[in-house]
């Protein structure tokens, strides 16, 4: 049985990098496989961060359009996941560091 810290780190890797294996075995299936349950959380995680970036950079969103912005946001989220729960400060380097915007 992993420690709480090990499990939290495994879930974080599952959300950010899509590494479900280490933590999926510890998710109660209850009719839905552990990997499918983690996928729901990952989609919510990515969606919330994409929304935070869109709200922080509405001009970029309007300039490049939704599909391109979402792709660039996904690359940014994978490269620079949040270091804090405060989403108002997340994405400060998005316009400068997102490879899809260059």
C-alpha atoms as a PDB file:
ATOM      1  CA  UNK A   1       0.000   0.000   0.000  1.00  0.00           C
ATOM      2  CA  UNK A   2       1.500   3.362  -1.015  1.00  0.00           C
ATOM      3  CA  UNK A   3       1.781   6.225   1.425  1.00  0.00           C
ATOM      4  CA  UNK A   4      -0.577   9.173   0.997  1.00  0.00           C
ATOM      5  CA  UNK A   5       2.245  11.268  -0.449  1.00  0.00           C
ATOM      6  CA  UNK A   6       3.129   8.545  -2.973  1.00  0.00           C
ATOM      7  CA  UNK A   7      -0.504   8.240  -4.000  1.00  0.00           C
ATOM      8  CA  UNK A   8      -0.881  12.015  -4.345  1.00  0.00           C
ATOM      9  CA  UNK A   9       2.221  12.171  -6.532  1.00  0.00           C
ATOM     10  CA  UNK A  10       0.947   9.286  -8.669  1.00  0.00           C
ATOM     11  CA  UNK A  11      -2.415  11.017  -9.155  1.00  0.00           C
ATOM     12  CA  UNK A  12      -0.619  14.248 -10.076  1.00  0.00           C
ATOM     13  CA  UNK A  13       1.483  12.394 -12.678  1.00  0.00           C
ATOM     14  CA  UNK A  14      -1.723  10.814 -13.948  1.00  0.00           C
ATOM     15  CA  UNK A  15      -3.355  14.220 -14.356  1.00  0.00           C
ATOM     16  CA  UNK A  16      -0.400  16.019 -15.901  1.00  0.00           C
ATOM     17  CA  UNK A  17       1.424  13.314 -17.833  1.00  0.00           C
ATOM     18  CA  UNK A  18      -1.311  10.730 -18.324  1.00  0.00           C
ATOM     19  CA  UNK A  19       0.541   8.077 -16.290  1.00  0.00           C
ATOM     20  CA  UNK A  20      -2.500   6.243 -14.925  1.00  0.00           C
ATOM     21  CA  UNK A  21      -0.820   2.939 -14.160  1.00  0.00           C
ATOM     22  CA  UNK A  22       0.752   3.738 -10.775  1.00  0.00           C
ATOM     23  CA  UNK A  23      -2.458   5.040  -9.213  1.00  0.00           C
ATOM     24  CA  UNK A  24      -5.235   3.334 -11.202  1.00  0.00           C
ATOM     25  CA  UNK A  25      -4.726   0.117  -9.261  1.00  0.00           C
ATOM     26  CA  UNK A  26      -5.699   1.966  -6.076  1.00  0.00           C
ATOM     27  CA  UNK A  27      -8.872   3.545  -7.467  1.00  0.00           C
ATOM     28  CA  UNK A  28     -12.059   1.706  -6.537  1.00  0.00           C
ATOM     29  CA  UNK A  29     -13.672   0.649  -9.810  1.00  0.00           C
ATOM     30  CA  UNK A  30     -17.315   0.395  -8.651  1.00  0.00           C
ATOM     31  CA  UNK A  31     -18.503  -0.228 -12.202  1.00  0.00           C
ATOM     32  CA  UNK A  32     -16.039   2.144 -13.891  1.00  0.00           C
ATOM     33  CA  UNK A  33     -12.401   1.174 -14.417  1.00  0.00           C
ATOM     34  CA  UNK A  34      -9.810   3.139 -12.456  1.00  0.00           C
ATOM     35  CA  UNK A  35      -8.229   4.508 -15.632  1.00  0.00           C
ATOM     36  CA  UNK A  36     -11.622   5.760 -16.852  1.00  0.00           C
ATOM     37  CA  UNK A  37     -12.242   7.489 -13.520  1.00  0.00           C
ATOM     38  CA  UNK A  38      -8.836   9.162 -13.697  1.00  0.00           C
ATOM     39  CA  UNK A  39      -9.595  10.249 -17.248  1.00  0.00           C
ATOM     40  CA  UNK A  40     -12.618  12.181 -15.962  1.00  0.00           C
ATOM     41  CA  UNK A  41     -10.409  14.036 -13.480  1.00  0.00           C
ATOM     42  CA  UNK A  42      -7.758  14.673 -16.148  1.00  0.00           C
ATOM     43  CA  UNK A  43     -10.310  16.160 -18.535  1.00  0.00           C
ATOM     44  CA  UNK A  44     -11.642  18.402 -15.761  1.00  0.00           C
ATOM     45  CA  UNK A  45      -8.098  19.420 -14.785  1.00  0.00           C
ATOM     46  CA  UNK A  46      -7.148  20.323 -18.364  1.00  0.00           C
ATOM     47  CA  UNK A  47     -10.488  22.038 -18.987  1.00  0.00           C
ATOM     48  CA  UNK A  48     -10.243  24.193 -15.863  1.00  0.00           C
ATOM     49  CA  UNK A  49      -6.682  25.262 -16.642  1.00  0.00           C
ATOM     50  CA  UNK A  50      -7.587  26.008 -20.254  1.00  0.00           C
ATOM     51  CA  UNK A  51     -10.474  28.161 -19.040  1.00  0.00           C
ATOM     52  CA  UNK A  52      -8.166  29.973 -16.616  1.00  0.00           C
ATOM     53  CA  UNK A  53      -5.769  30.730 -19.477  1.00  0.00           C
ATOM     54  CA  UNK A  54      -8.613  31.850 -21.750  1.00  0.00           C
ATOM     55  CA  UNK A  55      -9.908  34.216 -19.067  1.00  0.00           C
ATOM     56  CA  UNK A  56      -6.406  35.579 -18.460  1.00  0.00           C
ATOM     57  CA  UNK A  57      -5.670  36.031 -22.178  1.00  0.00           C
ATOM     58  CA  UNK A  58      -8.947  36.810 -23.962  1.00  0.00           C
ATOM     59  CA  UNK A  59      -7.220  38.813 -26.702  1.00  0.00           C
ATOM     60  CA  UNK A  60      -4.971  35.889 -27.633  1.00  0.00           C
ATOM     61  CA  UNK A  61      -8.006  33.592 -27.635  1.00  0.00           C
ATOM     62  CA  UNK A  62      -9.875  35.941 -30.002  1.00  0.00           C
ATOM     63  CA  UNK A  63      -6.811  36.454 -32.194  1.00  0.00           C
ATOM     64  CA  UNK A  64      -5.926  32.787 -32.772  1.00  0.00           C
ATOM     65  CA  UNK A  65      -9.366  31.208 -32.321  1.00  0.00           C
ATOM     66  CA  UNK A  66     -10.636  28.538 -29.970  1.00  0.00           C
ATOM     67  CA  UNK A  67      -9.164  25.343 -31.472  1.00  0.00           C
ATOM     68  CA  UNK A  68      -5.648  26.771 -31.803  1.00  0.00           C
ATOM     69  CA  UNK A  69      -5.810  28.347 -28.353  1.00  0.00           C
ATOM     70  CA  UNK A  70      -6.917  25.060 -26.782  1.00  0.00           C
ATOM     71  CA  UNK A  71      -4.057  23.189 -28.466  1.00  0.00           C
ATOM     72  CA  UNK A  72      -1.536  25.789 -27.317  1.00  0.00           C
ATOM     73  CA  UNK A  73      -3.015  25.722 -23.806  1.00  0.00           C
ATOM     74  CA  UNK A  74      -2.709  21.928 -23.675  1.00  0.00           C
ATOM     75  CA  UNK A  75       0.978  22.115 -24.625  1.00  0.00           C
ATOM     76  CA  UNK A  76       1.547  24.812 -22.015  1.00  0.00           C
ATOM     77  CA  UNK A  77      -0.283  22.857 -19.302  1.00  0.00           C
ATOM     78  CA  UNK A  78       1.799  19.744 -19.992  1.00  0.00           C
ATOM     79  CA  UNK A  79       5.046  21.734 -19.998  1.00  0.00           C
ATOM     80  CA  UNK A  80       4.203  24.004 -17.053  1.00  0.00           C
ATOM     81  CA  UNK A  81       1.582  22.518 -14.743  1.00  0.00           C
ATOM     82  CA  UNK A  82       0.399  24.783 -11.923  1.00  0.00           C
ATOM     83  CA  UNK A  83       2.581  25.071  -8.853  1.00  0.00           C
ATOM     84  CA  UNK A  84      -0.197  26.617  -6.779  1.00  0.00           C
ATOM     85  CA  UNK A  85      -3.931  26.154  -6.327  1.00  0.00           C
ATOM     86  CA  UNK A  86      -4.435  29.874  -7.023  1.00  0.00           C
ATOM     87  CA  UNK A  87      -5.353  29.950 -10.715  1.00  0.00           C
ATOM     88  CA  UNK A  88      -5.246  33.756 -10.927  1.00  0.00           C
ATOM     89  CA  UNK A  89      -1.461  33.529 -11.022  1.00  0.00           C
ATOM     90  CA  UNK A  90      -1.293  30.544 -13.374  1.00  0.00           C
ATOM     91  CA  UNK A  91      -0.099  31.061 -16.919  1.00  0.00           C
ATOM     92  CA  UNK A  92       2.010  34.178 -16.449  1.00  0.00           C
ATOM     93  CA  UNK A  93       4.450  32.892 -19.078  1.00  0.00           C
ATOM     94  CA  UNK A  94       1.847  31.517 -21.472  1.00  0.00           C
ATOM     95  CA  UNK A  95       2.266  34.090 -24.273  1.00  0.00           C
ATOM     96  CA  UNK A  96       6.062  33.867 -24.156  1.00  0.00           C
ATOM     97  CA  UNK A  97       6.740  30.202 -23.601  1.00  0.00           C
ATOM     98  CA  UNK A  98       4.043  28.277 -25.434  1.00  0.00           C
ATOM     99  CA  UNK A  99       5.724  26.595 -28.422  1.00  0.00           C
ATOM    100  CA  UNK A 100       2.461  26.617 -30.366  1.00  0.00           C
ATOM    101  CA  UNK A 101       2.352  30.412 -30.275  1.00  0.00           C
ATOM    102  CA  UNK A 102       5.753  30.856 -31.910  1.00  0.00           C
END
